[in-house]
Amino acid sequence: MRWLIALLTTSALILGTLAGISAFRRYQTEERAVPRPFDPQWMRLSPLEVAELPVADRWDMPMGSEFGALTYNAQPFRITRHLGDDLNGIGGYNSDLGDPVYAAAMGKVVYHGVPGPGWGKVLLVAHRVRNTRGGFDVVQSMYAHLLSTDVKFGDLVQRGQIIGKVGTAEGKYLAHLHFEIRRGPYPNPSVGYADAPLNRESPESFVLKHRGAPPELLNEAPPITGQ
């Protein structure tokens, strides 16, 4: 009788262990099957991705003319904690709805999407910009509240290329372009308002400072053209 009790006890333990292992494996499978939310704040361009970014030696304004003519800045950088410039057509209201938005400089699209309510369609374009140390810094230009986009993630864009159209953030605001300049290799849409400037700087000042080519490029010999 004792051996029968021992056998039954051992069998129960084995069956319980096998059931536990099966349940754990099923739990792991179900966990892997559930899509995890994407959090872009942990994204960072790799050294190779940075090295492949186009060098942006010349910059223009993203609306109106190259100098921003026919537009005005309705909410400049750091006014009411604003982290960018809100660019409008001179007609105000929704007169600029659907107007073209241009790439401010040569770069690569590193974010394309709708990051959250109030943003509308957003593009982040990354660039390499020469610094005073003889190297390059990563700078990103951001274009938000877009009605539509003309480029996709991973596209290389040229300065002055149409990349989207002025929108209203899906009806949340009157039509305008929220334009930012950011430092660093982090393609995270993040926030549009903050108590500190974070990694942003004045878009208008940055573009004016970088409108022309640096002196070393201005001294380059012109290319030889065929006859």
Protein backbone atom coordinates (compact mmCIF):
# COMPACT_ATOMS: atom_id res chain seq x y z
CA MET A 1 0.00 0.00 0.00
CA ARG A 2 2.83 2.33 0.89
CA TRP A 3 4.42 1.93 -2.53
CA LEU A 4 1.09 2.75 -4.19
CA ILE A 5 0.68 5.95 -2.15
CA ALA A 6 4.27 6.94 -2.98
CA LEU A 7 3.65 6.28 -6.68
CA LEU A 8 0.46 8.33 -6.71
CA THR A 9 2.16 11.21 -4.86
CA THR A 10 5.11 11.20 -7.24
CA SER A 11 2.79 11.10 -10.26
CA ALA A 12 0.81 14.06 -8.93
CA LEU A 13 4.00 16.07 -8.40
CA ILE A 14 5.22 15.30 -11.92
CA LEU A 15 1.86 16.20 -13.48
CA GLY A 16 1.71 19.43 -11.47
CA THR A 17 5.21 20.40 -12.55
CA LEU A 18 4.43 19.68 -16.21
CA ALA A 19 1.23 21.72 -15.99
CA GLY A 20 3.14 24.62 -14.46
CA ILE A 21 5.77 24.52 -17.19
CA SER A 22 3.07 24.42 -19.87
CA ALA A 23 1.25 27.38 -18.32
CA PHE A 24 4.47 29.40 -18.08
CA ARG A 25 5.33 28.71 -21.73
CA ARG A 26 1.78 29.68 -22.76
CA TYR A 27 2.11 32.91 -20.74
CA GLN A 28 5.42 33.75 -22.44
CA THR A 29 3.90 33.12 -25.87
CA GLU A 30 0.89 35.33 -25.10
CA GLU A 31 3.16 38.08 -23.74
CA ARG A 32 5.22 38.07 -26.94
CA ALA A 33 2.05 38.15 -29.03
CA VAL A 34 0.79 41.36 -27.37
CA PRO A 35 2.23 44.38 -29.23
CA ARG A 36 4.13 46.65 -26.89
CA PRO A 37 3.56 50.42 -27.16
CA PHE A 38 6.24 52.31 -29.08
CA ASP A 39 8.05 54.93 -27.03
CA PRO A 40 10.24 57.12 -29.28
CA GLN A 41 12.01 58.79 -26.36
CA TRP A 42 14.39 55.83 -26.23
CA MET A 43 15.33 56.12 -29.89
CA ARG A 44 18.73 57.44 -30.90
CA LEU A 45 20.36 57.57 -34.31
CA SER A 46 23.32 55.18 -34.43
CA PRO A 47 26.83 56.46 -35.28
CA LEU A 48 26.43 54.93 -38.75
CA GLU A 49 23.07 56.66 -39.26
CA VAL A 50 24.60 59.96 -38.16
CA ALA A 51 27.55 59.52 -40.53
CA GLU A 52 25.12 58.93 -43.41
CA LEU A 53 23.14 62.14 -42.80
CA PRO A 54 23.50 64.80 -45.51
CA VAL A 55 25.58 67.86 -44.60
CA ALA A 56 23.35 70.94 -44.45
CA ASP A 57 25.47 73.99 -45.29
CA ARG A 58 22.61 76.26 -46.41
CA TRP A 59 19.23 76.85 -44.78
CA ASP A 60 16.02 78.62 -45.82
CA MET A 61 12.69 79.28 -44.17
CA PRO A 62 10.13 76.46 -44.59
CA MET A 63 7.20 78.66 -45.69
CA GLY A 64 6.74 81.48 -48.17
CA SER A 65 9.96 82.47 -49.93
CA GLU A 66 13.49 81.43 -48.99
CA PHE A 67 13.56 84.45 -46.66
CA GLY A 68 10.09 83.75 -45.23
CA ALA A 69 8.33 86.49 -47.21
CA LEU A 70 4.51 86.35 -47.22
CA THR A 71 4.55 84.77 -43.76
CA TYR A 72 4.66 86.00 -40.16
CA ASN A 73 5.62 84.42 -36.86
CA ALA A 74 2.42 84.24 -34.80
CA GLN A 75 4.06 82.69 -31.73
CA PRO A 76 7.86 82.96 -31.58
CA PHE A 77 10.23 80.65 -29.76
CA ARG A 78 9.91 80.72 -25.93
CA ILE A 79 6.86 83.02 -25.93
CA THR A 80 4.41 81.37 -23.48
CA ARG A 81 6.87 78.45 -23.09
CA HIS A 82 6.67 77.69 -26.82
CA LEU A 83 9.48 75.46 -28.14
CA GLY A 84 9.26 76.53 -31.79
CA ASP A 85 7.91 79.18 -34.16
CA ASP A 86 4.32 79.18 -35.39
CA LEU A 87 4.49 80.35 -39.01
CA ASN A 88 1.37 81.69 -40.72
CA GLY A 89 0.50 83.05 -44.14
CA ILE A 90 -0.03 86.83 -44.09
CA GLY A 91 -3.76 86.38 -44.73
CA GLY A 92 -4.27 84.88 -41.28
CA TYR A 93 -7.02 82.50 -40.22
CA ASN A 94 -7.04 79.49 -42.58
CA SER A 95 -5.85 81.38 -45.67
CA ASP A 96 -2.64 79.33 -45.71
CA LEU A 97 -4.37 75.94 -45.35
CA GLY A 98 -2.76 73.59 -47.87
CA ASP A 99 0.15 75.92 -48.65
CA PRO A 100 3.44 74.11 -49.36
CA VAL A 101 5.95 73.41 -46.60
CA TYR A 102 9.57 73.21 -47.74
CA ALA A 103 12.54 71.36 -46.26
CA ALA A 104 14.65 74.02 -44.56
CA ALA A 105 17.88 72.22 -45.52
CA MET A 106 19.21 69.01 -47.01
CA GLY A 107 18.54 66.09 -44.68
CA LYS A 108 16.89 62.76 -44.02
CA VAL A 109 13.38 62.05 -42.70
CA VAL A 110 13.83 60.30 -39.35
CA TYR A 111 10.24 60.56 -38.06
CA HIS A 112 6.93 60.49 -39.93
CA GLY A 113 3.67 60.09 -38.05
CA VAL A 114 1.05 61.47 -35.69
CA PRO A 115 2.64 61.42 -32.21
CA GLY A 116 -0.51 62.37 -30.31
CA PRO A 117 -3.60 64.58 -30.07
CA GLY A 118 -2.95 68.18 -31.07
CA TRP A 119 0.05 67.39 -33.24
CA GLY A 120 -1.46 66.38 -36.57
CA LYS A 121 1.00 64.91 -39.05
CA VAL A 122 4.63 65.50 -38.06
CA LEU A 123 7.95 65.24 -39.88
CA LEU A 124 11.40 65.28 -38.30
CA VAL A 125 14.33 65.79 -40.68
CA ALA A 126 17.87 65.18 -39.40
CA HIS A 127 20.92 67.03 -40.73
CA ARG A 128 24.64 67.26 -40.11
CA VAL A 129 25.80 70.83 -39.52
CA ARG A 130 29.43 71.96 -39.40
CA ASN A 131 30.63 73.22 -36.03
CA THR A 132 33.50 75.47 -34.99
CA ARG A 133 35.54 72.46 -33.80
CA GLY A 134 36.00 71.16 -37.33
CA GLY A 135 33.40 68.43 -36.93
CA PHE A 136 29.65 68.08 -37.27
CA ASP A 137 26.65 68.42 -34.99
CA VAL A 138 23.34 66.64 -35.48
CA VAL A 139 20.47 69.10 -35.90
CA GLN A 140 16.83 68.25 -36.56
CA SER A 141 14.15 70.40 -38.13
CA MET A 142 10.56 69.64 -37.13
CA TYR A 143 7.42 70.36 -39.17
CA ALA A 144 4.13 69.83 -37.30
CA HIS A 145 0.32 70.22 -37.68
CA LEU A 146 0.63 69.19 -41.35
CA LEU A 147 -2.43 68.56 -43.49
CA SER A 148 -0.52 66.03 -45.60
CA THR A 149 3.03 64.89 -46.29
CA ASP A 150 4.90 64.42 -49.56
CA VAL A 151 7.75 62.31 -48.17
CA LYS A 152 8.07 59.16 -46.08
CA PHE A 153 10.34 57.83 -43.36
CA GLY A 154 13.91 57.36 -44.59
CA ASP A 155 13.64 59.72 -47.57
CA LEU A 156 16.49 62.09 -48.37
CA VAL A 157 15.23 65.62 -48.97
CA GLN A 158 16.76 68.65 -50.64
CA ARG A 159 16.65 72.22 -49.37
CA GLY A 160 13.51 73.84 -50.78
CA GLN A 161 11.80 70.53 -51.62
CA ILE A 162 8.08 70.38 -50.83
CA ILE A 163 7.68 67.90 -47.97
CA GLY A 164 4.12 68.63 -46.87
CA LYS A 165 1.24 71.08 -46.67
CA VAL A 166 0.15 73.48 -43.93
CA GLY A 167 -2.60 72.00 -41.76
CA THR A 168 -4.67 72.54 -38.64
CA ALA A 169 -3.60 69.57 -36.50
CA GLU A 170 -6.78 67.82 -37.58
CA GLY A 171 -8.94 70.85 -36.80
CA LYS A 172 -7.47 71.72 -33.38
CA TYR A 173 -6.01 75.08 -34.49
CA LEU A 174 -6.23 77.62 -37.26
CA ALA A 175 -3.87 76.63 -40.07
CA HIS A 176 -0.18 77.23 -39.37
CA LEU A 177 3.19 75.45 -39.34
CA HIS A 178 4.81 74.62 -36.02
CA PHE A 179 8.53 74.72 -36.86
CA GLU A 180 11.33 73.68 -34.50
CA ILE A 181 15.12 73.38 -34.53
CA ARG A 182 16.58 70.73 -32.22
CA ARG A 183 20.08 69.61 -31.25
CA GLY A 184 20.99 65.95 -30.89
CA PRO A 185 20.36 62.55 -32.54
CA TYR A 186 17.05 61.79 -30.80
CA PRO A 187 14.09 61.55 -33.23
CA ASN A 188 11.47 61.99 -30.52
CA PRO A 189 8.50 64.33 -31.22
CA SER A 190 8.28 65.05 -27.47
CA VAL A 191 6.40 68.22 -26.37
CA GLY A 192 5.71 71.63 -27.91
CA TYR A 193 5.74 73.61 -24.65
CA ALA A 194 8.05 73.44 -21.62
CA ASP A 195 9.41 75.61 -18.82
CA ALA A 196 12.96 75.14 -20.18
CA PRO A 197 14.10 75.24 -23.83
CA LEU A 198 15.29 71.62 -23.61
CA ASN A 199 17.33 70.84 -26.76
CA ARG A 200 15.55 73.45 -28.89
CA GLU A 201 16.75 76.83 -30.13
CA SER A 202 15.18 79.73 -31.96
CA PRO A 203 14.33 78.52 -35.49
CA GLU A 204 14.36 82.02 -36.96
CA SER A 205 17.78 82.85 -35.48
CA PHE A 206 19.23 79.49 -36.51
CA VAL A 207 18.07 79.76 -40.13
CA LEU A 208 19.32 83.36 -40.44
CA LYS A 209 22.70 82.33 -39.03
CA HIS A 210 23.02 79.37 -41.41
CA ARG A 211 21.52 80.85 -44.56
CA GLY A 212 24.82 81.14 -46.40
CA ALA A 213 27.60 78.64 -46.96
CA PRO A 214 30.54 78.69 -44.51
CA PRO A 215 33.67 80.60 -45.60
CA GLU A 216 35.64 77.47 -46.45
CA LEU A 217 32.97 76.48 -48.98
CA LEU A 218 32.69 79.96 -50.45
CA ASN A 219 36.39 79.76 -51.31
CA GLU A 220 36.03 76.52 -53.21
CA ALA A 221 36.79 76.61 -56.93
CA PRO A 222 33.68 76.44 -59.12
CA PRO A 223 33.01 73.09 -60.78
CA ILE A 224 34.30 72.57 -64.31
CA THR A 225 31.46 72.25 -66.78
CA GLY A 226 31.51 70.66 -70.19
CA GLN A 227 31.63 72.72 -73.38
